Amino acid sequence: MALVERVVVLFIVMAFVQVSFAAVYKVGDSAGWTTLGTIDYRKWAATKNFQIGDTIIFEYNAKFHNVMRVTHAMYKTCNASSPIATFTTGKDSINITNHGHHFFFCGVPGHCQAGQKVDINVLSISAEAPTPSGSALASPTVQTSTVPAPSPSNATPLISLKGSFGSVGFNMTVFCLVWFMYFLPRSLARL
């Protein structure tokens, strides 16, 4: 019976401590979301391999900037009249929930025209057609069947527990902690 109890506890712990394969990207890297400097957000995005589950962080001075999620047509013309969503905290986290293009720009007059806009393109990995999620952050998608995948980023994502080694190592650490905190004292008490 003790073995069954241990196995159940182990599965519960593993269910709560699943490692995500998602990455966190700060738009503009160390420069952030700004019109200062010579940041090319198109080039920045082209070096990333965005996937569903990734988090995009916009860091900026909220006195001078904002983030608007917009349609493709609005993105092309820098039309801020009716955005899908507007973010104004200065540290906005946006979770990517579906494949396709996710268009953002700064809605302060002149900033989008000055280049403060970014197209986060999440390519479908499988050959199946993407299925849009019902999330409030879901945006219209533009099919990209002829666009090649962007090259992988040379920059390390902010979360580095990506891949099987990270998840195995993390799960083993959790397992050892649970064993030392839960099972070892019970085993010693029986002696």
N, C-alpha and C. Protein backbone atom coordinates (compact mmCIF):
# COMPACT_ATOMS: atom_id res chain seq x y z
N MET A 1 0.82 -1.19 0.00
CA MET A 1 0.00 0.00 0.00
C MET A 1 0.87 1.26 0.00
N ALA A 2 2.00 1.22 0.69
CA ALA A 2 2.89 2.38 0.74
C ALA A 2 3.45 2.70 -0.64
N LEU A 3 3.71 1.65 -1.42
CA LEU A 3 4.22 1.86 -2.77
C LEU A 3 3.18 2.58 -3.63
N VAL A 4 1.92 2.17 -3.52
CA VAL A 4 0.85 2.81 -4.27
C VAL A 4 0.74 4.29 -3.88
N GLU A 5 0.84 4.56 -2.58
CA GLU A 5 0.77 5.94 -2.08
C GLU A 5 1.92 6.77 -2.66
N ARG A 6 3.10 6.21 -2.68
CA ARG A 6 4.26 6.92 -3.22
C ARG A 6 4.10 7.23 -4.70
N VAL A 7 3.61 6.24 -5.45
CA VAL A 7 3.42 6.43 -6.88
C VAL A 7 2.37 7.50 -7.15
N VAL A 8 1.29 7.48 -6.39
CA VAL A 8 0.24 8.49 -6.56
C VAL A 8 0.80 9.88 -6.27
N VAL A 9 1.53 10.02 -5.18
CA VAL A 9 2.12 11.33 -4.83
C VAL A 9 3.09 11.76 -5.91
N LEU A 10 3.89 10.85 -6.42
CA LEU A 10 4.84 11.19 -7.48
C LEU A 10 4.12 11.70 -8.72
N PHE A 11 3.05 11.03 -9.14
CA PHE A 11 2.30 11.47 -10.31
C PHE A 11 1.64 12.82 -10.08
N ILE A 12 1.15 13.06 -8.89
CA ILE A 12 0.54 14.36 -8.59
C ILE A 12 1.59 15.46 -8.67
N VAL A 13 2.74 15.22 -8.11
CA VAL A 13 3.82 16.22 -8.15
C VAL A 13 4.25 16.47 -9.59
N MET A 14 4.39 15.41 -10.36
CA MET A 14 4.80 15.58 -11.76
C MET A 14 3.74 16.31 -12.57
N ALA A 15 2.47 16.11 -12.25
CA ALA A 15 1.41 16.81 -12.95
C ALA A 15 1.44 18.30 -12.66
N PHE A 16 1.77 18.67 -11.43
CA PHE A 16 1.81 20.08 -11.06
C PHE A 16 3.09 20.76 -11.53
N VAL A 17 4.14 20.00 -11.77
CA VAL A 17 5.43 20.59 -12.08
C VAL A 17 5.87 20.20 -13.49
N GLN A 18 4.99 20.37 -14.44
CA GLN A 18 5.38 20.12 -15.82
C GLN A 18 6.21 21.29 -16.32
N VAL A 19 7.23 21.00 -17.08
CA VAL A 19 8.07 22.04 -17.64
C VAL A 19 7.51 22.44 -18.99
N SER A 20 7.35 23.70 -19.17
CA SER A 20 6.83 24.21 -20.43
C SER A 20 7.97 24.33 -21.43
N PHE A 21 7.66 24.12 -22.68
CA PHE A 21 8.66 24.30 -23.72
C PHE A 21 8.58 25.69 -24.31
N ALA A 22 7.84 26.57 -23.65
CA ALA A 22 7.66 27.93 -24.13
C ALA A 22 8.87 28.79 -23.76
N ALA A 23 9.06 29.84 -24.54
CA ALA A 23 10.14 30.80 -24.28
C ALA A 23 9.51 32.16 -24.00
N VAL A 24 10.30 33.02 -23.38
CA VAL A 24 9.88 34.39 -23.11
C VAL A 24 10.81 35.30 -23.90
N TYR A 25 10.23 36.19 -24.71
CA TYR A 25 11.01 37.11 -25.52
C TYR A 25 10.68 38.54 -25.13
N LYS A 26 11.71 39.34 -24.88
CA LYS A 26 11.52 40.76 -24.64
C LYS A 26 11.69 41.47 -25.97
N VAL A 27 10.64 42.14 -26.43
CA VAL A 27 10.67 42.83 -27.72
C VAL A 27 11.77 43.89 -27.69
N GLY A 28 12.66 43.83 -28.67
CA GLY A 28 13.77 44.77 -28.74
C GLY A 28 14.95 44.40 -27.87
N ASP A 29 14.89 43.23 -27.24
CA ASP A 29 15.93 42.76 -26.32
C ASP A 29 16.23 43.83 -25.27
N SER A 30 17.49 44.19 -25.06
CA SER A 30 17.84 45.12 -23.97
C SER A 30 17.31 46.53 -24.20
N ALA A 31 17.09 46.94 -25.43
CA ALA A 31 16.58 48.28 -25.71
C ALA A 31 15.10 48.41 -25.36
N GLY A 32 14.37 47.32 -25.46
CA GLY A 32 12.95 47.35 -25.16
C GLY A 32 12.12 47.94 -26.29
N TRP A 33 10.95 48.46 -25.92
CA TRP A 33 9.95 49.00 -26.86
C TRP A 33 10.09 50.51 -26.85
N THR A 34 10.74 51.08 -27.87
CA THR A 34 11.08 52.50 -27.88
C THR A 34 11.25 53.02 -29.29
N THR A 35 11.30 54.33 -29.41
CA THR A 35 11.64 54.96 -30.69
C THR A 35 13.07 55.48 -30.66
N LEU A 36 13.71 55.42 -29.50
CA LEU A 36 15.09 55.88 -29.38
C LEU A 36 16.05 54.85 -29.95
N GLY A 37 17.13 55.32 -30.51
CA GLY A 37 18.12 54.40 -31.07
C GLY A 37 17.74 53.94 -32.46
N THR A 38 18.39 52.89 -32.89
CA THR A 38 18.17 52.38 -34.24
C THR A 38 17.67 50.94 -34.19
N ILE A 39 16.60 50.71 -33.48
CA ILE A 39 16.07 49.36 -33.35
C ILE A 39 15.19 49.04 -34.56
N ASP A 40 15.49 47.95 -35.20
CA ASP A 40 14.67 47.47 -36.32
C ASP A 40 13.89 46.27 -35.82
N TYR A 41 12.63 46.49 -35.44
CA TYR A 41 11.82 45.43 -34.88
C TYR A 41 11.51 44.32 -35.89
N ARG A 42 11.53 44.65 -37.16
CA ARG A 42 11.33 43.63 -38.20
C ARG A 42 12.51 42.66 -38.18
N LYS A 43 13.73 43.20 -38.11
CA LYS A 43 14.91 42.34 -38.05
C LYS A 43 14.94 41.55 -36.74
N TRP A 44 14.55 42.21 -35.63
CA TRP A 44 14.51 41.53 -34.33
C TRP A 44 13.60 40.31 -34.40
N ALA A 45 12.39 40.48 -34.93
CA ALA A 45 11.42 39.39 -35.00
C ALA A 45 11.88 38.30 -35.96
N ALA A 46 12.58 38.66 -37.03
CA ALA A 46 13.03 37.68 -38.02
C ALA A 46 14.07 36.72 -37.45
N THR A 47 14.74 37.11 -36.38
CA THR A 47 15.76 36.23 -35.78
C THR A 47 15.17 35.28 -34.74
N LYS A 48 13.87 35.36 -34.51
CA LYS A 48 13.22 34.53 -33.50
C LYS A 48 12.40 33.42 -34.14
N ASN A 49 12.25 32.34 -33.42
CA ASN A 49 11.42 31.22 -33.86
C ASN A 49 10.25 31.11 -32.87
N PHE A 50 9.24 31.95 -33.06
CA PHE A 50 8.11 32.01 -32.14
C PHE A 50 7.24 30.76 -32.25
N GLN A 51 6.75 30.30 -31.10
CA GLN A 51 5.90 29.13 -31.04
C GLN A 51 4.70 29.41 -30.15
N ILE A 52 3.64 28.62 -30.33
CA ILE A 52 2.48 28.73 -29.45
C ILE A 52 2.95 28.45 -28.03
N GLY A 53 2.49 29.26 -27.10
CA GLY A 53 2.88 29.13 -25.70
C GLY A 53 3.96 30.11 -25.29
N ASP A 54 4.66 30.70 -26.26
CA ASP A 54 5.67 31.70 -25.94
C ASP A 54 5.02 32.94 -25.36
N THR A 55 5.80 33.68 -24.59
CA THR A 55 5.34 34.95 -24.03
C THR A 55 6.17 36.07 -24.62
N ILE A 56 5.49 37.11 -25.08
CA ILE A 56 6.14 38.28 -25.64
C ILE A 56 6.00 39.40 -24.61
N ILE A 57 7.12 39.98 -24.20
CA ILE A 57 7.10 41.05 -23.21
C ILE A 57 7.47 42.37 -23.88
N PHE A 58 6.63 43.37 -23.68
CA PHE A 58 6.91 44.73 -24.14
C PHE A 58 7.26 45.55 -22.91
N GLU A 59 8.51 46.03 -22.82
CA GLU A 59 8.93 46.91 -21.73
C GLU A 59 9.19 48.29 -22.30
N TYR A 60 8.57 49.31 -21.67
CA TYR A 60 8.67 50.67 -22.18
C TYR A 60 8.26 51.66 -21.10
N ASN A 61 8.53 52.93 -21.35
CA ASN A 61 8.09 54.00 -20.45
C ASN A 61 6.64 54.31 -20.80
N ALA A 62 5.73 54.01 -19.86
CA ALA A 62 4.30 54.15 -20.11
C ALA A 62 3.87 55.61 -20.30
N LYS A 63 4.73 56.56 -19.96
CA LYS A 63 4.40 57.98 -20.19
C LYS A 63 4.51 58.35 -21.66
N PHE A 64 5.33 57.58 -22.39
CA PHE A 64 5.62 57.94 -23.77
C PHE A 64 5.19 56.92 -24.81
N HIS A 65 4.82 55.72 -24.39
CA HIS A 65 4.51 54.65 -25.33
C HIS A 65 3.33 53.82 -24.84
N ASN A 66 2.83 52.98 -25.73
CA ASN A 66 1.85 51.95 -25.39
C ASN A 66 2.04 50.82 -26.39
N VAL A 67 1.21 49.80 -26.30
CA VAL A 67 1.24 48.69 -27.25
C VAL A 67 -0.19 48.45 -27.71
N MET A 68 -0.38 48.42 -29.01
CA MET A 68 -1.69 48.11 -29.58
C MET A 68 -1.58 46.85 -30.43
N ARG A 69 -2.50 45.93 -30.20
CA ARG A 69 -2.61 44.75 -31.04
C ARG A 69 -3.62 45.08 -32.12
N VAL A 70 -3.22 44.89 -33.38
CA VAL A 70 -4.03 45.36 -34.50
C VAL A 70 -4.12 44.31 -35.61
N THR A 71 -4.98 44.58 -36.58
CA THR A 71 -5.11 43.72 -37.75
C THR A 71 -3.97 44.01 -38.72
N HIS A 72 -3.84 43.17 -39.74
CA HIS A 72 -2.79 43.35 -40.74
C HIS A 72 -2.96 44.68 -41.49
N ALA A 73 -4.21 44.99 -41.87
CA ALA A 73 -4.46 46.24 -42.60
C ALA A 73 -4.10 47.45 -41.73
N MET A 74 -4.44 47.41 -40.47
CA MET A 74 -4.11 48.52 -39.56
C MET A 74 -2.60 48.63 -39.38
N TYR A 75 -1.93 47.48 -39.31
CA TYR A 75 -0.47 47.44 -39.15
C TYR A 75 0.22 48.10 -40.34
N LYS A 76 -0.23 47.75 -41.54
CA LYS A 76 0.41 48.29 -42.75
C LYS A 76 0.27 49.80 -42.85
N THR A 77 -0.85 50.35 -42.40
CA THR A 77 -1.10 51.79 -42.54
C THR A 77 -0.91 52.57 -41.24
N CYS A 78 -0.51 51.88 -40.15
CA CYS A 78 -0.35 52.50 -38.84
C CYS A 78 -1.65 53.16 -38.38
N ASN A 79 -2.76 52.51 -38.61
CA ASN A 79 -4.07 53.02 -38.24
C ASN A 79 -4.41 52.55 -36.82
N ALA A 80 -4.44 53.48 -35.88
CA ALA A 80 -4.67 53.16 -34.47
C ALA A 80 -6.11 53.43 -34.04
N SER A 81 -7.03 53.56 -34.99
CA SER A 81 -8.40 53.98 -34.65
C SER A 81 -9.21 52.93 -33.89
N SER A 82 -9.02 51.65 -34.16
CA SER A 82 -9.81 50.63 -33.45
C SER A 82 -8.97 49.36 -33.24
N PRO A 83 -8.03 49.40 -32.30
CA PRO A 83 -7.17 48.24 -32.07
C PRO A 83 -7.95 47.07 -31.48
N ILE A 84 -7.40 45.88 -31.65
CA ILE A 84 -7.97 44.67 -31.04
C ILE A 84 -7.82 44.77 -29.53
N ALA A 85 -6.66 45.25 -29.08
CA ALA A 85 -6.38 45.41 -27.65
C ALA A 85 -5.33 46.51 -27.49
N THR A 86 -5.39 47.19 -26.36
CA THR A 86 -4.40 48.22 -26.04
C THR A 86 -3.81 47.90 -24.67
N PHE A 87 -2.48 47.99 -24.58
CA PHE A 87 -1.76 47.71 -23.34
C PHE A 87 -1.00 48.97 -22.93
N THR A 88 -1.02 49.28 -21.65
CA THR A 88 -0.44 50.56 -21.21
C THR A 88 0.35 50.46 -19.91
N THR A 89 0.73 49.28 -19.47
CA THR A 89 1.38 49.15 -18.15
C THR A 89 2.87 49.50 -18.16
N GLY A 90 3.51 49.39 -19.31
CA GLY A 90 4.96 49.59 -19.37
C GLY A 90 5.72 48.28 -19.28
N LYS A 91 5.02 47.22 -18.89
CA LYS A 91 5.62 45.88 -18.86
C LYS A 91 4.50 44.90 -19.16
N ASP A 92 4.16 44.81 -20.43
CA ASP A 92 3.02 44.00 -20.87
C ASP A 92 3.49 42.63 -21.34
N SER A 93 2.86 41.58 -20.82
CA SER A 93 3.15 40.20 -21.22
C SER A 93 1.99 39.69 -22.04
N ILE A 94 2.29 39.19 -23.22
CA ILE A 94 1.27 38.69 -24.12
C ILE A 94 1.62 37.25 -24.47
N ASN A 95 0.70 36.34 -24.17
CA ASN A 95 0.90 34.92 -24.48
C ASN A 95 0.43 34.63 -25.89
N ILE A 96 1.25 33.90 -26.63
CA ILE A 96 0.90 33.53 -27.99
C ILE A 96 0.07 32.25 -27.92
N THR A 97 -1.16 32.33 -28.44
CA THR A 97 -2.08 31.20 -28.34
C THR A 97 -2.45 30.57 -29.67
N ASN A 98 -2.01 31.15 -30.78
CA ASN A 98 -2.35 30.55 -32.07
C ASN A 98 -1.29 30.89 -33.12
N HIS A 99 -1.31 30.09 -34.19
CA HIS A 99 -0.38 30.29 -35.30
C HIS A 99 -0.77 31.54 -36.09
N GLY A 100 0.15 32.01 -36.89
CA GLY A 100 -0.12 33.14 -37.77
C GLY A 100 0.60 34.40 -37.30
N HIS A 101 0.22 35.50 -37.91
CA HIS A 101 0.83 36.79 -37.60
C HIS A 101 0.08 37.45 -36.44
N HIS A 102 0.85 38.08 -35.57
CA HIS A 102 0.31 38.85 -34.46
C HIS A 102 0.95 40.24 -34.59
N PHE A 103 0.13 41.23 -34.91
CA PHE A 103 0.64 42.56 -35.25
C PHE A 103 0.49 43.51 -34.06
N PHE A 104 1.58 44.24 -33.77
CA PHE A 104 1.59 45.20 -32.67
C PHE A 104 2.27 46.48 -33.12
N PHE A 105 1.82 47.61 -32.60
CA PHE A 105 2.55 48.86 -32.78
C PHE A 105 2.25 49.79 -31.63
N CYS A 106 3.06 50.88 -31.54
CA CYS A 106 2.82 51.92 -30.55
C CYS A 106 1.78 52.86 -31.14
N GLY A 107 0.74 53.16 -30.36
CA GLY A 107 -0.34 54.00 -30.83
C GLY A 107 -0.12 55.49 -30.65
N VAL A 108 1.02 55.89 -30.10
CA VAL A 108 1.32 57.31 -29.96
C VAL A 108 1.58 57.86 -31.36
N PRO A 109 0.94 58.98 -31.71
CA PRO A 109 1.08 59.53 -33.07
C PRO A 109 2.55 59.65 -33.50
N GLY A 110 2.83 59.10 -34.68
CA GLY A 110 4.16 59.17 -35.28
C GLY A 110 5.08 58.02 -34.92
N HIS A 111 4.81 57.30 -33.84
CA HIS A 111 5.73 56.23 -33.43
C HIS A 111 5.69 55.03 -34.37
N CYS A 112 4.51 54.61 -34.77
CA CYS A 112 4.42 53.49 -35.71
C CYS A 112 5.10 53.85 -37.02
N GLN A 113 4.84 55.05 -37.51
CA GLN A 113 5.46 55.50 -38.76
C GLN A 113 6.98 55.56 -38.64
N ALA A 114 7.48 55.78 -37.41
CA ALA A 114 8.92 55.83 -37.17
C ALA A 114 9.52 54.42 -37.02
N GLY A 115 8.70 53.38 -37.10
CA GLY A 115 9.21 52.01 -37.05
C GLY A 115 8.92 51.26 -35.76
N GLN A 116 8.16 51.84 -34.85
CA GLN A 116 7.86 51.16 -33.60
C GLN A 116 6.65 50.24 -33.81
N LYS A 117 6.90 49.16 -34.54
CA LYS A 117 5.88 48.16 -34.81
C LYS A 117 6.56 46.83 -35.04
N VAL A 118 5.85 45.76 -34.71
CA VAL A 118 6.45 44.43 -34.83
C VAL A 118 5.39 43.42 -35.25
N ASP A 119 5.82 42.49 -36.10
CA ASP A 119 4.98 41.40 -36.58
C ASP A 119 5.55 40.12 -35.98
N ILE A 120 4.82 39.54 -35.02
CA ILE A 120 5.23 38.29 -34.40
C ILE A 120 4.59 37.17 -35.22
N ASN A 121 5.40 36.44 -35.97
CA ASN A 121 4.89 35.41 -36.86
C ASN A 121 5.14 34.03 -36.26
N VAL A 122 4.06 33.32 -35.95
CA VAL A 122 4.14 31.98 -35.39
C VAL A 122 3.79 31.00 -36.50
N LEU A 123 4.80 30.31 -37.01
CA LEU A 123 4.59 29.38 -38.11
C LEU A 123 4.03 28.06 -37.61
N SER A 124 3.19 27.46 -38.41
CA SER A 124 2.63 26.15 -38.09
C SER A 124 3.72 25.12 -38.34
N ILE A 125 3.99 24.28 -37.36
CA ILE A 125 5.04 23.27 -37.49
C ILE A 125 4.55 22.10 -38.32
N SER A 126 3.30 21.72 -38.13
CA SER A 126 2.75 20.58 -38.88
C SER A 126 2.17 21.07 -40.20
N ALA A 127 1.82 20.13 -41.05
CA ALA A 127 1.22 20.47 -42.34
C ALA A 127 -0.27 20.75 -42.21
N GLU A 128 -0.83 20.47 -41.03
CA GLU A 128 -2.24 20.71 -40.82
C GLU A 128 -2.53 22.20 -40.76
N ALA A 129 -3.74 22.56 -41.10
CA ALA A 129 -4.13 23.97 -41.02
C ALA A 129 -4.24 24.38 -39.56
N PRO A 130 -3.79 25.57 -39.21
CA PRO A 130 -3.87 26.00 -37.83
C PRO A 130 -5.32 26.20 -37.41
N THR A 131 -5.60 25.91 -36.13
CA THR A 131 -6.94 26.13 -35.60
C THR A 131 -6.87 27.27 -34.62
N PRO A 132 -7.57 28.37 -34.91
CA PRO A 132 -7.50 29.50 -34.01
C PRO A 132 -8.13 29.17 -32.67
N SER A 133 -7.55 29.71 -31.61
CA SER A 133 -8.09 29.46 -30.28
C SER A 133 -9.18 30.48 -29.99
N GLY A 134 -9.95 30.21 -28.97
CA GLY A 134 -11.03 31.11 -28.60
C GLY A 134 -10.56 32.16 -27.62
N SER A 135 -9.28 32.35 -27.47
CA SER A 135 -8.75 33.29 -26.49
C SER A 135 -9.11 34.72 -26.85
N ALA A 136 -9.21 35.54 -25.82
CA ALA A 136 -9.51 36.95 -26.04
C ALA A 136 -8.36 37.64 -26.76
N LEU A 137 -7.16 37.07 -26.69
CA LEU A 137 -6.01 37.69 -27.35
C LEU A 137 -5.80 37.17 -28.76
N ALA A 138 -6.65 36.26 -29.22
CA ALA A 138 -6.49 35.73 -30.57
C ALA A 138 -6.68 36.86 -31.58
N SER A 139 -5.79 36.90 -32.55
CA SER A 139 -5.89 37.95 -33.57
C SER A 139 -6.11 37.31 -34.92
N PRO A 140 -6.56 38.09 -35.88
CA PRO A 140 -6.70 37.54 -37.22
C PRO A 140 -5.36 37.05 -37.72
N THR A 141 -5.38 35.97 -38.46
CA THR A 141 -4.13 35.42 -38.95
C THR A 141 -4.02 35.59 -40.45
N VAL A 142 -2.79 35.66 -40.93
CA VAL A 142 -2.52 35.75 -42.35
C VAL A 142 -1.78 34.47 -42.71
N GLN A 143 -2.25 33.73 -43.70
CA GLN A 143 -1.61 32.48 -44.07
C GLN A 143 -0.24 32.77 -44.66
N THR A 144 0.75 31.95 -44.31
CA THR A 144 2.12 32.16 -44.74
C THR A 144 2.69 30.92 -45.40
N SER A 145 1.98 30.36 -46.34
CA SER A 145 2.40 29.10 -46.93
C SER A 145 3.69 29.22 -47.74
N THR A 146 4.01 30.41 -48.26
CA THR A 146 5.21 30.55 -49.08
C THR A 146 6.34 31.25 -48.36
N VAL A 147 6.14 31.63 -47.12
CA VAL A 147 7.18 32.33 -46.38
C VAL A 147 8.05 31.30 -45.68
N PRO A 148 9.38 31.34 -45.87
CA PRO A 148 10.25 30.38 -45.20
C PRO A 148 10.30 30.68 -43.70
N ALA A 149 10.61 29.66 -42.95
CA ALA A 149 10.71 29.82 -41.50
C ALA A 149 11.88 30.74 -41.16
N PRO A 150 11.73 31.57 -40.13
CA PRO A 150 12.84 32.43 -39.74
C PRO A 150 13.96 31.59 -39.15
N SER A 151 15.18 32.11 -39.24
CA SER A 151 16.30 31.38 -38.67
C SER A 151 16.20 31.42 -37.16
N PRO A 152 16.72 30.39 -36.48
CA PRO A 152 16.67 30.38 -35.01
C PRO A 152 17.44 31.56 -34.44
N SER A 153 17.03 31.98 -33.28
CA SER A 153 17.64 33.12 -32.63
C SER A 153 19.02 32.78 -32.10
N ASN A 154 19.93 33.71 -32.24
CA ASN A 154 21.23 33.56 -31.61
C ASN A 154 21.16 33.96 -30.15
N ALA A 155 20.16 34.76 -29.80
CA ALA A 155 19.98 35.19 -28.43
C ALA A 155 19.29 34.09 -27.63
N THR A 156 19.68 33.93 -26.39
CA THR A 156 19.07 32.93 -25.52
C THR A 156 17.76 33.48 -24.99
N PRO A 157 16.67 32.70 -25.08
CA PRO A 157 15.42 33.15 -24.50
C PRO A 157 15.59 33.34 -22.99
N LEU A 158 14.72 34.15 -22.40
CA LEU A 158 14.81 34.42 -20.97
C LEU A 158 14.56 33.18 -20.14
N ILE A 159 13.78 32.24 -20.64
CA ILE A 159 13.58 30.97 -19.95
C ILE A 159 14.40 29.93 -20.68
N SER A 160 15.32 29.28 -19.98
CA SER A 160 16.22 28.36 -20.66
C SER A 160 15.92 26.91 -20.34
N LEU A 161 14.76 26.59 -19.78
CA LEU A 161 14.39 25.20 -19.55
C LEU A 161 13.70 24.64 -20.78
N LYS A 162 14.33 24.82 -21.92
CA LYS A 162 13.74 24.38 -23.18
C LYS A 162 14.44 23.09 -23.60
N GLY A 163 13.69 22.09 -24.01
CA GLY A 163 14.28 20.86 -24.48
C GLY A 163 14.22 19.76 -23.44
N SER A 164 14.58 18.55 -23.86
CA SER A 164 14.42 17.39 -22.98
C SER A 164 15.38 17.40 -21.81
N PHE A 165 16.62 17.88 -21.99
CA PHE A 165 17.56 17.87 -20.88
C PHE A 165 17.07 18.77 -19.76
N GLY A 166 16.56 19.94 -20.11
CA GLY A 166 16.05 20.85 -19.08
C GLY A 166 14.88 20.24 -18.34
N SER A 167 13.96 19.60 -19.05
CA SER A 167 12.79 19.03 -18.37
C SER A 167 13.17 17.81 -17.54
N VAL A 168 14.09 16.97 -18.03
CA VAL A 168 14.52 15.80 -17.26
C VAL A 168 15.24 16.25 -15.99
N GLY A 169 16.14 17.20 -16.13
CA GLY A 169 16.87 17.70 -14.96
C GLY A 169 15.95 18.35 -13.96
N PHE A 170 15.01 19.11 -14.43
CA PHE A 170 14.06 19.77 -13.54
C PHE A 170 13.18 18.75 -12.83
N ASN A 171 12.68 17.77 -13.57
CA ASN A 171 11.84 16.74 -12.97
C ASN A 171 12.61 15.91 -11.95
N MET A 172 13.86 15.60 -12.23
CA MET A 172 14.68 14.84 -11.28
C MET A 172 14.91 15.65 -9.99
N THR A 173 15.11 16.95 -10.12
CA THR A 173 15.29 17.81 -8.95
C THR A 173 14.03 17.80 -8.09
N VAL A 174 12.89 17.93 -8.72
CA VAL A 174 11.62 17.91 -7.99
C VAL A 174 11.42 16.56 -7.32
N PHE A 175 11.72 15.49 -8.05
CA PHE A 175 11.58 14.15 -7.49
C PHE A 175 12.45 13.99 -6.24
N CYS A 176 13.70 14.43 -6.31
CA CYS A 176 14.61 14.32 -5.16
C CYS A 176 14.10 15.15 -3.99
N LEU A 177 13.63 16.34 -4.27
CA LEU A 177 13.10 17.17 -3.18
C LEU A 177 11.90 16.51 -2.51
N VAL A 178 10.99 15.98 -3.30
CA VAL A 178 9.82 15.30 -2.74
C VAL A 178 10.26 14.09 -1.93
N TRP A 179 11.21 13.34 -2.46
CA TRP A 179 11.67 12.15 -1.76
C TRP A 179 12.28 12.52 -0.41
N PHE A 180 13.17 13.52 -0.41
CA PHE A 180 13.82 13.92 0.83
C PHE A 180 12.84 14.53 1.84
N MET A 181 11.86 15.26 1.35
CA MET A 181 10.94 15.93 2.27
C MET A 181 9.79 15.03 2.73
N TYR A 182 9.39 14.07 1.91
CA TYR A 182 8.20 13.29 2.23
C TYR A 182 8.53 11.84 2.58
N PHE A 183 9.26 11.17 1.73
CA PHE A 183 9.47 9.75 1.90
C PHE A 183 10.59 9.40 2.87
N LEU A 184 11.69 10.13 2.86
CA LEU A 184 12.80 9.81 3.74
C LEU A 184 12.41 9.88 5.21
N PRO A 185 11.75 10.96 5.68
CA PRO A 185 11.36 10.98 7.10
C PRO A 185 10.41 9.83 7.47
N ARG A 186 9.51 9.44 6.57
CA ARG A 186 8.59 8.33 6.86
C ARG A 186 9.37 7.01 6.94
N SER A 187 10.35 6.86 6.06
CA SER A 187 11.15 5.62 6.07
C SER A 187 11.98 5.53 7.34
N LEU A 188 12.56 6.64 7.76
CA LEU A 188 13.38 6.65 8.98
C LEU A 188 12.52 6.43 10.22
N ALA A 189 11.29 6.91 10.20
CA ALA A 189 10.40 6.76 11.35
C ALA A 189 10.01 5.29 11.55
N ARG A 190 10.01 4.51 10.49
CA ARG A 190 9.65 3.08 10.60
C ARG A 190 10.80 2.24 11.16
N LEU A 191 12.00 2.78 11.17
CA LEU A 191 13.17 1.99 11.67
C LEU A 191 13.18 1.84 13.14
